[in-house]
Amino acid sequence: MRWLVDEMFPPAVARELNDLGHDAVAVGEIGLAGAADDVIYRVAADQDRVIVTENVADFARIVAERVARGQTVVPVAFVRKANFPRGAALSVRLARHLDRWAGESPEPYPGGHWP
C-alpha cells in the first residue's frame, strides 16, 4: 500500500512501513512540513496514497468538500491518539497495526477509516 504519514508522527513510521513492504513517505521527508492540510491531501490524491493522521476534524472536512466537488478522494486512516501513545515503540507498533489493516483491507474505499 502507498502511505503518506502526517507530521504528528515520527518519520520512522514511514520507514517501518517501508521495511514491511509498503511504499511510505512522511510529510516532512517530501517537503510538506508545516503545509496546510489541503495541500497534504492534494499530494496524497496526486500520488494515490493513504493518509495516516490523528487530525480527524480537518481531514474529514476535506474529504466531504472533495466529495461535494466531485474531486478525487483517497482513503484516510484516522489514528486514535489514545491507542498509540507516544514513546519509543510508537513507530513499530503503528506500522505493524497499519500493515495488518492493509492486509485485511487491501483496497480501502475512499474516505475515512478507523483501522
PDB file of N, CA and C in Angstrom:
ATOM      1  N   MET A   1       0.854  -1.163   0.000  1.00  0.00           N
ATOM      2  CA  MET A   1       0.000   0.000   0.000  1.00  0.00           C
ATOM      3  C   MET A   1       0.903   1.229   0.000  1.00  0.00           C
ATOM      4  N   ARG A   2       0.398   2.305  -0.546  1.00  0.00           N
ATOM      5  CA  ARG A   2       1.119   3.578  -0.593  1.00  0.00           C
ATOM      6  C   ARG A   2       0.574   4.490   0.510  1.00  0.00           C
ATOM      7  N   TRP A   3       1.469   4.990   1.357  1.00  0.00           N
ATOM      8  CA  TRP A   3       1.080   5.764   2.528  1.00  0.00           C
ATOM      9  C   TRP A   3       1.712   7.146   2.512  1.00  0.00           C
ATOM     10  N   LEU A   4       1.007   8.112   3.097  1.00  0.00           N
ATOM     11  CA  LEU A   4       1.559   9.431   3.397  1.00  0.00           C
ATOM     12  C   LEU A   4       1.312   9.654   4.885  1.00  0.00           C
ATOM     13  N   VAL A   5       2.377   9.683   5.665  1.00  0.00           N
ATOM     14  CA  VAL A   5       2.294   9.769   7.125  1.00  0.00           C
ATOM     15  C   VAL A   5       2.366  11.234   7.539  1.00  0.00           C
ATOM     16  N   ASP A   6       1.319  11.701   8.209  1.00  0.00           N
ATOM     17  CA  ASP A   6       1.222  13.099   8.628  1.00  0.00           C
ATOM     18  C   ASP A   6       2.292  13.408   9.674  1.00  0.00           C
ATOM     19  N   GLU A   7       2.537  14.722   9.845  1.00  0.00           N
ATOM     20  CA  GLU A   7       3.696  15.140  10.619  1.00  0.00           C
ATOM     21  C   GLU A   7       3.575  14.987  12.134  1.00  0.00           C
ATOM     22  N   MET A   8       2.403  14.630  12.665  1.00  0.00           N
ATOM     23  CA  MET A   8       2.345  14.396  14.104  1.00  0.00           C
ATOM     24  C   MET A   8       3.024  13.072  14.481  1.00  0.00           C
ATOM     25  N   PHE A   9       3.331  12.272  13.468  1.00  0.00           N
ATOM     26  CA  PHE A   9       4.029  11.007  13.696  1.00  0.00           C
ATOM     27  C   PHE A   9       5.482  11.133  13.263  1.00  0.00           C
ATOM     28  N   PRO A  10       6.368  10.410  13.920  1.00  0.00           N
ATOM     29  CA  PRO A  10       7.772  10.475  13.517  1.00  0.00           C
ATOM     30  C   PRO A  10       7.972   9.832  12.133  1.00  0.00           C
ATOM     31  N   PRO A  11       8.945  10.332  11.369  1.00  0.00           N
ATOM     32  CA  PRO A  11       9.239   9.739  10.066  1.00  0.00           C
ATOM     33  C   PRO A  11       9.567   8.245  10.139  1.00  0.00           C
ATOM     34  N   ALA A  12       9.948   7.781  11.320  1.00  0.00           N
ATOM     35  CA  ALA A  12      10.256   6.363  11.490  1.00  0.00           C
ATOM     36  C   ALA A  12       9.045   5.476  11.186  1.00  0.00           C
ATOM     37  N   VAL A  13       7.826   6.015  11.319  1.00  0.00           N
ATOM     38  CA  VAL A  13       6.636   5.226  10.970  1.00  0.00           C
ATOM     39  C   VAL A  13       6.694   4.861   9.486  1.00  0.00           C
ATOM     40  N   ALA A  14       7.038   5.835   8.643  1.00  0.00           N
ATOM     41  CA  ALA A  14       7.153   5.568   7.204  1.00  0.00           C
ATOM     42  C   ALA A  14       8.267   4.562   6.939  1.00  0.00           C
ATOM     43  N   ARG A  15       9.386   4.711   7.617  1.00  0.00           N
ATOM     44  CA  ARG A  15      10.496   3.760   7.416  1.00  0.00           C
ATOM     45  C   ARG A  15      10.084   2.347   7.819  1.00  0.00           C
ATOM     46  N   GLU A  16       9.378   2.230   8.934  1.00  0.00           N
ATOM     47  CA  GLU A  16       8.909   0.901   9.372  1.00  0.00           C
ATOM     48  C   GLU A  16       7.934   0.309   8.351  1.00  0.00           C
ATOM     49  N   LEU A  17       7.034   1.132   7.825  1.00  0.00           N
ATOM     50  CA  LEU A  17       6.104   0.643   6.799  1.00  0.00           C
ATOM     51  C   LEU A  17       6.863   0.180   5.561  1.00  0.00           C
ATOM     52  N   ASN A  18       7.884   0.915   5.177  1.00  0.00           N
ATOM     53  CA  ASN A  18       8.704   0.502   4.034  1.00  0.00           C
ATOM     54  C   ASN A  18       9.382  -0.831   4.308  1.00  0.00           C
ATOM     55  N   ASP A  19       9.878  -1.005   5.527  1.00  0.00           N
ATOM     56  CA  ASP A  19      10.515  -2.279   5.900  1.00  0.00           C
ATOM     57  C   ASP A  19       9.527  -3.440   5.830  1.00  0.00           C
ATOM     58  N   LEU A  20       8.237  -3.138   5.981  1.00  0.00           N
ATOM     59  CA  LEU A  20       7.201  -4.172   5.914  1.00  0.00           C
ATOM     60  C   LEU A  20       6.692  -4.379   4.479  1.00  0.00           C
ATOM     61  N   GLY A  21       7.319  -3.708   3.521  1.00  0.00           N
ATOM     62  CA  GLY A  21       6.976  -3.926   2.114  1.00  0.00           C
ATOM     63  C   GLY A  21       6.044  -2.905   1.498  1.00  0.00           C
ATOM     64  N   HIS A  22       5.765  -1.832   2.216  1.00  0.00           N
ATOM     65  CA  HIS A  22       4.885  -0.787   1.700  1.00  0.00           C
ATOM     66  C   HIS A  22       5.714   0.308   1.023  1.00  0.00           C
ATOM     67  N   ASP A  23       5.025   1.244   0.415  1.00  0.00           N
ATOM     68  CA  ASP A  23       5.636   2.446  -0.158  1.00  0.00           C
ATOM     69  C   ASP A  23       5.126   3.601   0.683  1.00  0.00           C
ATOM     70  N   ALA A  24       5.941   4.052   1.624  1.00  0.00           N
ATOM     71  CA  ALA A  24       5.501   5.077   2.574  1.00  0.00           C
ATOM     72  C   ALA A  24       6.475   6.243   2.597  1.00  0.00           C
ATOM     73  N   VAL A  25       5.905   7.441   2.725  1.00  0.00           N
ATOM     74  CA  VAL A  25       6.700   8.649   2.912  1.00  0.00           C
ATOM     75  C   VAL A  25       6.088   9.451   4.049  1.00  0.00           C
ATOM     76  N   ALA A  26       6.944  10.182   4.730  1.00  0.00           N
ATOM     77  CA  ALA A  26       6.486  11.080   5.790  1.00  0.00           C
ATOM     78  C   ALA A  26       6.378  12.486   5.210  1.00  0.00           C
ATOM     79  N   VAL A  27       5.412  13.230   5.698  1.00  0.00           N
ATOM     80  CA  VAL A  27       5.162  14.588   5.222  1.00  0.00           C
ATOM     81  C   VAL A  27       6.454  15.409   5.215  1.00  0.00           C
ATOM     82  N   GLY A  28       7.199  15.371   6.306  1.00  0.00           N
ATOM     83  CA  GLY A  28       8.423  16.159   6.402  1.00  0.00           C
ATOM     84  C   GLY A  28       9.505  15.742   5.434  1.00  0.00           C
ATOM     85  N   GLU A  29       9.509  14.492   5.035  1.00  0.00           N
ATOM     86  CA  GLU A  29      10.541  13.985   4.122  1.00  0.00           C
ATOM     87  C   GLU A  29      10.326  14.428   2.680  1.00  0.00           C
ATOM     88  N   ILE A  30       9.122  14.883   2.363  1.00  0.00           N
ATOM     89  CA  ILE A  30       8.852  15.295   0.978  1.00  0.00           C
ATOM     90  C   ILE A  30       8.555  16.793   0.887  1.00  0.00           C
ATOM     91  N   GLY A  31       9.072  17.536   1.857  1.00  0.00           N
ATOM     92  CA  GLY A  31       8.978  18.984   1.809  1.00  0.00           C
ATOM     93  C   GLY A  31       7.632  19.568   2.194  1.00  0.00           C
ATOM     94  N   LEU A  32       6.819  18.811   2.928  1.00  0.00           N
ATOM     95  CA  LEU A  32       5.493  19.301   3.304  1.00  0.00           C
ATOM     96  C   LEU A  32       5.356  19.618   4.792  1.00  0.00           C
ATOM     97  N   ALA A  33       6.456  19.694   5.514  1.00  0.00           N
ATOM     98  CA  ALA A  33       6.381  20.031   6.938  1.00  0.00           C
ATOM     99  C   ALA A  33       5.741  21.407   7.078  1.00  0.00           C
ATOM    100  N   GLY A  34       4.726  21.490   7.890  1.00  0.00           N
ATOM    101  CA  GLY A  34       4.037  22.750   8.118  1.00  0.00           C
ATOM    102  C   GLY A  34       3.048  23.133   7.022  1.00  0.00           C
ATOM    103  N   ALA A  35       2.891  22.287   6.018  1.00  0.00           N
ATOM    104  CA  ALA A  35       1.966  22.594   4.923  1.00  0.00           C
ATOM    105  C   ALA A  35       0.520  22.484   5.392  1.00  0.00           C
ATOM    106  N   ALA A  36      -0.346  23.223   4.728  1.00  0.00           N
ATOM    107  CA  ALA A  36      -1.775  23.156   5.034  1.00  0.00           C
ATOM    108  C   ALA A  36      -2.300  21.760   4.740  1.00  0.00           C
ATOM    109  N   ASP A  37      -3.288  21.339   5.501  1.00  0.00           N
ATOM    110  CA  ASP A  37      -3.850  20.000   5.311  1.00  0.00           C
ATOM    111  C   ASP A  37      -4.422  19.812   3.912  1.00  0.00           C
ATOM    112  N   ASP A  38      -4.972  20.860   3.329  1.00  0.00           N
ATOM    113  CA  ASP A  38      -5.488  20.765   1.958  1.00  0.00           C
ATOM    114  C   ASP A  38      -4.369  20.404   0.973  1.00  0.00           C
ATOM    115  N   VAL A  39      -3.199  20.974   1.197  1.00  0.00           N
ATOM    116  CA  VAL A  39      -2.046  20.697   0.331  1.00  0.00           C
ATOM    117  C   VAL A  39      -1.605  19.247   0.520  1.00  0.00           C
ATOM    118  N   ILE A  40      -1.531  18.821   1.764  1.00  0.00           N
ATOM    119  CA  ILE A  40      -1.139  17.436   2.054  1.00  0.00           C
ATOM    120  C   ILE A  40      -2.119  16.471   1.394  1.00  0.00           C
ATOM    121  N   TYR A  41      -3.405  16.775   1.494  1.00  0.00           N
ATOM    122  CA  TYR A  41      -4.411  15.897   0.883  1.00  0.00           C
ATOM    123  C   TYR A  41      -4.244  15.865  -0.630  1.00  0.00           C
ATOM    124  N   ARG A  42      -4.014  17.012  -1.238  1.00  0.00           N
ATOM    125  CA  ARG A  42      -3.849  17.082  -2.691  1.00  0.00           C
ATOM    126  C   ARG A  42      -2.658  16.237  -3.144  1.00  0.00           C
ATOM    127  N   VAL A  43      -1.556  16.308  -2.406  1.00  0.00           N
ATOM    128  CA  VAL A  43      -0.381  15.493  -2.742  1.00  0.00           C
ATOM    129  C   VAL A  43      -0.725  14.016  -2.617  1.00  0.00           C
ATOM    130  N   ALA A  44      -1.414  13.637  -1.549  1.00  0.00           N
ATOM    131  CA  ALA A  44      -1.822  12.240  -1.377  1.00  0.00           C
ATOM    132  C   ALA A  44      -2.703  11.796  -2.542  1.00  0.00           C
ATOM    133  N   ALA A  45      -3.633  12.644  -2.962  1.00  0.00           N
ATOM    134  CA  ALA A  45      -4.515  12.304  -4.082  1.00  0.00           C
ATOM    135  C   ALA A  45      -3.714  12.183  -5.383  1.00  0.00           C
ATOM    136  N   ASP A  46      -2.788  13.108  -5.605  1.00  0.00           N
ATOM    137  CA  ASP A  46      -1.964  13.065  -6.816  1.00  0.00           C
ATOM    138  C   ASP A  46      -1.098  11.805  -6.864  1.00  0.00           C
ATOM    139  N   GLN A  47      -0.658  11.347  -5.701  1.00  0.00           N
ATOM    140  CA  GLN A  47       0.231  10.188  -5.630  1.00  0.00           C
ATOM    141  C   GLN A  47      -0.501   8.894  -5.259  1.00  0.00           C
ATOM    142  N   ASP A  48      -1.808   8.963  -5.131  1.00  0.00           N
ATOM    143  CA  ASP A  48      -2.626   7.803  -4.771  1.00  0.00           C
ATOM    144  C   ASP A  48      -2.126   7.147  -3.488  1.00  0.00           C
ATOM    145  N   ARG A  49      -2.050   7.948  -2.431  1.00  0.00           N
ATOM    146  CA  ARG A  49      -1.569   7.471  -1.139  1.00  0.00           C
ATOM    147  C   ARG A  49      -2.673   7.540  -0.088  1.00  0.00           C
ATOM    148  N   VAL A  50      -2.623   6.630   0.862  1.00  0.00           N
ATOM    149  CA  VAL A  50      -3.493   6.639   2.029  1.00  0.00           C
ATOM    150  C   VAL A  50      -2.846   7.565   3.055  1.00  0.00           C
ATOM    151  N   ILE A  51      -3.609   8.511   3.556  1.00  0.00           N
ATOM    152  CA  ILE A  51      -3.100   9.431   4.568  1.00  0.00           C
ATOM    153  C   ILE A  51      -3.250   8.791   5.942  1.00  0.00           C
ATOM    154  N   VAL A  52      -2.210   8.916   6.762  1.00  0.00           N
ATOM    155  CA  VAL A  52      -2.238   8.445   8.149  1.00  0.00           C
ATOM    156  C   VAL A  52      -2.163   9.682   9.031  1.00  0.00           C
ATOM    157  N   THR A  53      -3.197   9.922   9.844  1.00  0.00           N
ATOM    158  CA  THR A  53      -3.251  11.142  10.642  1.00  0.00           C
ATOM    159  C   THR A  53      -4.098  10.949  11.894  1.00  0.00           C
ATOM    160  N   GLU A  54      -3.895  11.835  12.854  1.00  0.00           N
ATOM    161  CA  GLU A  54      -4.780  11.934  14.025  1.00  0.00           C
ATOM    162  C   GLU A  54      -5.783  13.065  13.832  1.00  0.00           C
ATOM    163  N   ASN A  55      -5.610  13.861  12.812  1.00  0.00           N
ATOM    164  CA  ASN A  55      -6.365  15.086  12.594  1.00  0.00           C
ATOM    165  C   ASN A  55      -7.714  14.797  11.930  1.00  0.00           C
ATOM    166  N   VAL A  56      -8.646  14.317  12.703  1.00  0.00           N
ATOM    167  CA  VAL A  56      -9.952  13.924  12.188  1.00  0.00           C
ATOM    168  C   VAL A  56     -10.737  15.133  11.679  1.00  0.00           C
ATOM    169  N   ALA A  57     -10.787  16.187  12.462  1.00  0.00           N
ATOM    170  CA  ALA A  57     -11.630  17.330  12.099  1.00  0.00           C
ATOM    171  C   ALA A  57     -11.279  17.892  10.728  1.00  0.00           C
ATOM    172  N   ASP A  58     -10.022  18.181  10.496  1.00  0.00           N
ATOM    173  CA  ASP A  58      -9.635  18.808   9.226  1.00  0.00           C
ATOM    174  C   ASP A  58      -9.736  17.851   8.051  1.00  0.00           C
ATOM    175  N   PHE A  59      -9.261  16.624   8.216  1.00  0.00           N
ATOM    176  CA  PHE A  59      -9.274  15.711   7.073  1.00  0.00           C
ATOM    177  C   PHE A  59     -10.676  15.194   6.757  1.00  0.00           C
ATOM    178  N   ALA A  60     -11.537  15.062   7.748  1.00  0.00           N
ATOM    179  CA  ALA A  60     -12.925  14.687   7.467  1.00  0.00           C
ATOM    180  C   ALA A  60     -13.613  15.799   6.679  1.00  0.00           C
ATOM    181  N   ARG A  61     -13.332  17.050   7.042  1.00  0.00           N
ATOM    182  CA  ARG A  61     -13.878  18.184   6.302  1.00  0.00           C
ATOM    183  C   ARG A  61     -13.371  18.195   4.860  1.00  0.00           C
ATOM    184  N   ILE A  62     -12.091  17.960   4.681  1.00  0.00           N
ATOM    185  CA  ILE A  62     -11.513  17.955   3.333  1.00  0.00           C
ATOM    186  C   ILE A  62     -12.135  16.856   2.485  1.00  0.00           C
ATOM    187  N   VAL A  63     -12.299  15.676   3.063  1.00  0.00           N
ATOM    188  CA  VAL A  63     -12.938  14.572   2.323  1.00  0.00           C
ATOM    189  C   VAL A  63     -14.340  14.991   1.890  1.00  0.00           C
ATOM    190  N   ALA A  64     -15.125  15.537   2.809  1.00  0.00           N
ATOM    191  CA  ALA A  64     -16.504  15.940   2.487  1.00  0.00           C
ATOM    192  C   ALA A  64     -16.527  17.002   1.397  1.00  0.00           C
ATOM    193  N   GLU A  65     -15.633  17.969   1.472  1.00  0.00           N
ATOM    194  CA  GLU A  65     -15.588  19.021   0.452  1.00  0.00           C
ATOM    195  C   GLU A  65     -15.203  18.457  -0.916  1.00  0.00           C
ATOM    196  N   ARG A  66     -14.245  17.550  -0.938  1.00  0.00           N
ATOM    197  CA  ARG A  66     -13.810  16.975  -2.215  1.00  0.00           C
ATOM    198  C   ARG A  66     -14.906  16.102  -2.819  1.00  0.00           C
ATOM    199  N   VAL A  67     -15.629  15.373  -1.987  1.00  0.00           N
ATOM    200  CA  VAL A  67     -16.752  14.569  -2.482  1.00  0.00           C
ATOM    201  C   VAL A  67     -17.796  15.493  -3.099  1.00  0.00           C
ATOM    202  N   ALA A  68     -18.123  16.578  -2.402  1.00  0.00           N
ATOM    203  CA  ALA A  68     -19.135  17.516  -2.883  1.00  0.00           C
ATOM    204  C   ALA A  68     -18.738  18.152  -4.214  1.00  0.00           C
ATOM    205  N   ARG A  69     -17.442  18.353  -4.425  1.00  0.00           N
ATOM    206  CA  ARG A  69     -16.951  18.961  -5.670  1.00  0.00           C
ATOM    207  C   ARG A  69     -16.679  17.936  -6.768  1.00  0.00           C
ATOM    208  N   GLY A  70     -16.814  16.655  -6.448  1.00  0.00           N
ATOM    209  CA  GLY A  70     -16.521  15.619  -7.438  1.00  0.00           C
ATOM    210  C   GLY A  70     -15.035  15.437  -7.684  1.00  0.00           C
ATOM    211  N   GLN A  71     -14.203  15.794  -6.703  1.00  0.00           N
ATOM    212  CA  GLN A  71     -12.756  15.647  -6.831  1.00  0.00           C
ATOM    213  C   GLN A  71     -12.312  14.269  -6.342  1.00  0.00           C
ATOM    214  N   THR A  72     -11.089  13.924  -6.695  1.00  0.00           N
ATOM    215  CA  THR A  72     -10.518  12.649  -6.267  1.00  0.00           C
ATOM    216  C   THR A  72     -10.452  12.590  -4.737  1.00  0.00           C
ATOM    217  N   VAL A  73     -10.891  11.455  -4.207  1.00  0.00           N
ATOM    218  CA  VAL A  73     -10.867  11.223  -2.762  1.00  0.00           C
ATOM    219  C   VAL A  73     -10.038   9.971  -2.502  1.00  0.00           C
ATOM    220  N   VAL A  74      -9.131  10.071  -1.542  1.00  0.00           N
ATOM    221  CA  VAL A  74      -8.300   8.933  -1.167  1.00  0.00           C
ATOM    222  C   VAL A  74      -8.666   8.477   0.234  1.00  0.00           C
ATOM    223  N   PRO A  75      -8.284   7.268   0.606  1.00  0.00           N
ATOM    224  CA  PRO A  75      -8.530   6.810   1.974  1.00  0.00           C
ATOM    225  C   PRO A  75      -7.705   7.624   2.983  1.00  0.00           C
ATOM    226  N   VAL A  76      -8.280   7.814   4.144  1.00  0.00           N
ATOM    227  CA  VAL A  76      -7.592   8.463   5.249  1.00  0.00           C
ATOM    228  C   VAL A  76      -7.709   7.529   6.451  1.00  0.00           C
ATOM    229  N   ALA A  77      -6.569   7.095   6.966  1.00  0.00           N
ATOM    230  CA  ALA A  77      -6.545   6.234   8.147  1.00  0.00           C
ATOM    231  C   ALA A  77      -6.418   7.129   9.376  1.00  0.00           C
ATOM    232  N   PHE A  78      -7.522   7.240  10.124  1.00  0.00           N
ATOM    233  CA  PHE A  78      -7.527   8.047  11.335  1.00  0.00           C
ATOM    234  C   PHE A  78      -7.010   7.205  12.497  1.00  0.00           C
ATOM    235  N   VAL A  79      -6.025   7.728  13.199  1.00  0.00           N
ATOM    236  CA  VAL A  79      -5.394   7.018  14.305  1.00  0.00           C
ATOM    237  C   VAL A  79      -5.814   7.680  15.608  1.00  0.00           C
ATOM    238  N   ARG A  80      -6.308   6.891  16.526  1.00  0.00           N
ATOM    239  CA  ARG A  80      -6.676   7.406  17.847  1.00  0.00           C
ATOM    240  C   ARG A  80      -5.422   7.553  18.699  1.00  0.00           C
ATOM    241  N   LYS A  81      -5.194   8.762  19.151  1.00  0.00           N
ATOM    242  CA  LYS A  81      -4.010   9.049  19.966  1.00  0.00           C
ATOM    243  C   LYS A  81      -3.952   8.143  21.196  1.00  0.00           C
ATOM    244  N   ALA A  82      -5.105   7.873  21.793  1.00  0.00           N
ATOM    245  CA  ALA A  82      -5.139   7.047  22.998  1.00  0.00           C
ATOM    246  C   ALA A  82      -4.673   5.617  22.728  1.00  0.00           C
ATOM    247  N   ASN A  83      -4.858   5.141  21.506  1.00  0.00           N
ATOM    248  CA  ASN A  83      -4.446   3.779  21.155  1.00  0.00           C
ATOM    249  C   ASN A  83      -2.962   3.671  20.836  1.00  0.00           C
ATOM    250  N   PHE A  84      -2.339   4.812  20.519  1.00  0.00           N
ATOM    251  CA  PHE A  84      -0.924   4.808  20.138  1.00  0.00           C
ATOM    252  C   PHE A  84      -0.192   5.943  20.855  1.00  0.00           C
ATOM    253  N   PRO A  85      -0.008   5.794  22.177  1.00  0.00           N
ATOM    254  CA  PRO A  85       0.682   6.844  22.932  1.00  0.00           C
ATOM    255  C   PRO A  85       2.128   6.995  22.465  1.00  0.00           C
ATOM    256  N   ARG A  86       2.618   8.197  22.617  1.00  0.00           N
ATOM    257  CA  ARG A  86       3.991   8.487  22.217  1.00  0.00           C
ATOM    258  C   ARG A  86       4.950   7.688  23.075  1.00  0.00           C
ATOM    259  N   GLY A  87       6.040   7.290  22.478  1.00  0.00           N
ATOM    260  CA  GLY A  87       7.061   6.531  23.186  1.00  0.00           C
ATOM    261  C   GLY A  87       7.961   5.851  22.185  1.00  0.00           C
ATOM    262  N   ALA A  88       8.942   5.173  22.700  1.00  0.00           N
ATOM    263  CA  ALA A  88       9.965   4.560  21.864  1.00  0.00           C
ATOM    264  C   ALA A  88       9.399   3.548  20.873  1.00  0.00           C
ATOM    265  N   ALA A  89       8.343   2.863  21.235  1.00  0.00           N
ATOM    266  CA  ALA A  89       7.818   1.800  20.370  1.00  0.00           C
ATOM    267  C   ALA A  89       6.710   2.274  19.432  1.00  0.00           C
ATOM    268  N   LEU A  90       6.383   3.568  19.442  1.00  0.00           N
ATOM    269  CA  LEU A  90       5.274   4.062  18.628  1.00  0.00           C
ATOM    270  C   LEU A  90       5.420   3.696  17.162  1.00  0.00           C
ATOM    271  N   SER A  91       6.562   3.951  16.579  1.00  0.00           N
ATOM    272  CA  SER A  91       6.744   3.738  15.140  1.00  0.00           C
ATOM    273  C   SER A  91       6.516   2.286  14.755  1.00  0.00           C
ATOM    274  N   VAL A  92       7.093   1.382  15.500  1.00  0.00           N
ATOM    275  CA  VAL A  92       6.945  -0.043  15.196  1.00  0.00           C
ATOM    276  C   VAL A  92       5.501  -0.483  15.418  1.00  0.00           C
ATOM    277  N   ARG A  93       4.917  -0.096  16.539  1.00  0.00           N
ATOM    278  CA  ARG A  93       3.535  -0.509  16.838  1.00  0.00           C
ATOM    279  C   ARG A  93       2.554   0.009  15.799  1.00  0.00           C
ATOM    280  N   LEU A  94       2.663   1.285  15.440  1.00  0.00           N
ATOM    281  CA  LEU A  94       1.739   1.860  14.477  1.00  0.00           C
ATOM    282  C   LEU A  94       1.943   1.251  13.094  1.00  0.00           C
ATOM    283  N   ALA A  95       3.174   1.085  12.685  1.00  0.00           N
ATOM    284  CA  ALA A  95       3.439   0.492  11.367  1.00  0.00           C
ATOM    285  C   ALA A  95       2.908  -0.937  11.295  1.00  0.00           C
ATOM    286  N   ARG A  96       3.103  -1.704  12.324  1.00  0.00           N
ATOM    287  CA  ARG A  96       2.582  -3.085  12.325  1.00  0.00           C
ATOM    288  C   ARG A  96       1.056  -3.097  12.293  1.00  0.00           C
ATOM    289  N   HIS A  97       0.457  -2.174  13.022  1.00  0.00           N
ATOM    290  CA  HIS A  97      -1.005  -2.075  13.029  1.00  0.00           C
ATOM    291  C   HIS A  97      -1.525  -1.717  11.635  1.00  0.00           C
ATOM    292  N   LEU A  98      -0.909  -0.748  10.988  1.00  0.00           N
ATOM    293  CA  LEU A  98      -1.325  -0.355   9.640  1.00  0.00           C
ATOM    294  C   LEU A  98      -1.071  -1.465   8.629  1.00  0.00           C
ATOM    295  N   ASP A  99       0.017  -2.191   8.809  1.00  0.00           N
ATOM    296  CA  ASP A  99       0.310  -3.320   7.929  1.00  0.00           C
ATOM    297  C   ASP A  99      -0.777  -4.391   8.041  1.00  0.00           C
ATOM    298  N   ARG A 100      -1.201  -4.698   9.256  1.00  0.00           N
ATOM    299  CA  ARG A 100      -2.283  -5.675   9.450  1.00  0.00           C
ATOM    300  C   ARG A 100      -3.573  -5.185   8.801  1.00  0.00           C
ATOM    301  N   TRP A 101      -3.897  -3.909   9.015  1.00  0.00           N
ATOM    302  CA  TRP A 101      -5.104  -3.339   8.422  1.00  0.00           C
ATOM    303  C   TRP A 101      -5.036  -3.396   6.897  1.00  0.00           C
ATOM    304  N   ALA A 102      -3.883  -3.090   6.330  1.00  0.00           N
ATOM    305  CA  ALA A 102      -3.724  -3.139   4.876  1.00  0.00           C
ATOM    306  C   ALA A 102      -3.938  -4.555   4.360  1.00  0.00           C
ATOM    307  N   GLY A 103      -3.487  -5.545   5.121  1.00  0.00           N
ATOM    308  CA  GLY A 103      -3.705  -6.933   4.728  1.00  0.00           C
ATOM    309  C   GLY A 103      -5.176  -7.306   4.747  1.00  0.00           C
ATOM    310  N   GLU A 104      -5.912  -6.745   5.696  1.00  0.00           N
ATOM    311  CA  GLU A 104      -7.347  -7.014   5.816  1.00  0.00           C
ATOM    312  C   GLU A 104      -8.178  -6.156   4.857  1.00  0.00           C
ATOM    313  N   SER A 105      -7.638  -5.025   4.445  1.00  0.00           N
ATOM    314  CA  SER A 105      -8.351  -4.073   3.579  1.00  0.00           C
ATOM    315  C   SER A 105      -7.421  -3.636   2.442  1.00  0.00           C
ATOM    316  N   PRO A 106      -7.068  -4.554   1.545  1.00  0.00           N
ATOM    317  CA  PRO A 106      -6.067  -4.223   0.523  1.00  0.00           C
ATOM    318  C   PRO A 106      -6.502  -3.136  -0.457  1.00  0.00           C
ATOM    319  N   GLU A 107      -7.795  -2.910  -0.582  1.00  0.00           N
ATOM    320  CA  GLU A 107      -8.297  -1.848  -1.452  1.00  0.00           C
ATOM    321  C   GLU A 107      -9.327  -1.018  -0.684  1.00  0.00           C
ATOM    322  N   PRO A 108      -8.848  -0.193   0.264  1.00  0.00           N
ATOM    323  CA  PRO A 108      -9.789   0.576   1.083  1.00  0.00           C
ATOM    324  C   PRO A 108     -10.559   1.594   0.244  1.00  0.00           C
ATOM    325  N   TYR A 109     -11.815   1.770   0.591  1.00  0.00           N
ATOM    326  CA  TYR A 109     -12.640   2.744  -0.121  1.00  0.00           C
ATOM    327  C   TYR A 109     -12.142   4.159   0.183  1.00  0.00           C
ATOM    328  N   PRO A 110     -12.386   5.094  -0.713  1.00  0.00           N
ATOM    329  CA  PRO A 110     -12.017   6.482  -0.466  1.00  0.00           C
ATOM    330  C   PRO A 110     -12.804   7.046   0.719  1.00  0.00           C
ATOM    331  N   GLY A 111     -12.132   7.803   1.539  1.00  0.00           N
ATOM    332  CA  GLY A 111     -12.780   8.393   2.704  1.00  0.00           C
ATOM    333  C   GLY A 111     -12.132   7.937   3.992  1.00  0.00           C
ATOM    334  N   GLY A 112     -12.787   8.227   5.100  1.00  0.00           N
ATOM    335  CA  GLY A 112     -12.229   7.963   6.413  1.00  0.00           C
ATOM    336  C   GLY A 112     -12.327   6.525   6.872  1.00  0.00           C
ATOM    337  N   HIS A 113     -11.292   6.077   7.541  1.00  0.00           N
ATOM    338  CA  HIS A 113     -11.210   4.725   8.128  1.00  0.00           C
ATOM    339  C   HIS A 113     -10.670   4.852   9.538  1.00  0.00           C
ATOM    340  N   TRP A 114     -11.057   3.911  10.375  1.00  0.00           N
ATOM    341  CA  TRP A 114     -10.549   3.824  11.736  1.00  0.00           C
ATOM    342  C   TRP A 114      -9.892   2.463  11.926  1.00  0.00           C
ATOM    343  N   PRO A 115      -8.700   2.291  11.352  1.00  0.00           N
ATOM    344  CA  PRO A 115      -8.058   0.957  11.442  1.00  0.00           C
ATOM    345  C   PRO A 115      -7.703   0.571  12.857  1.00  0.00           C
TER     346      PRO A 115
END
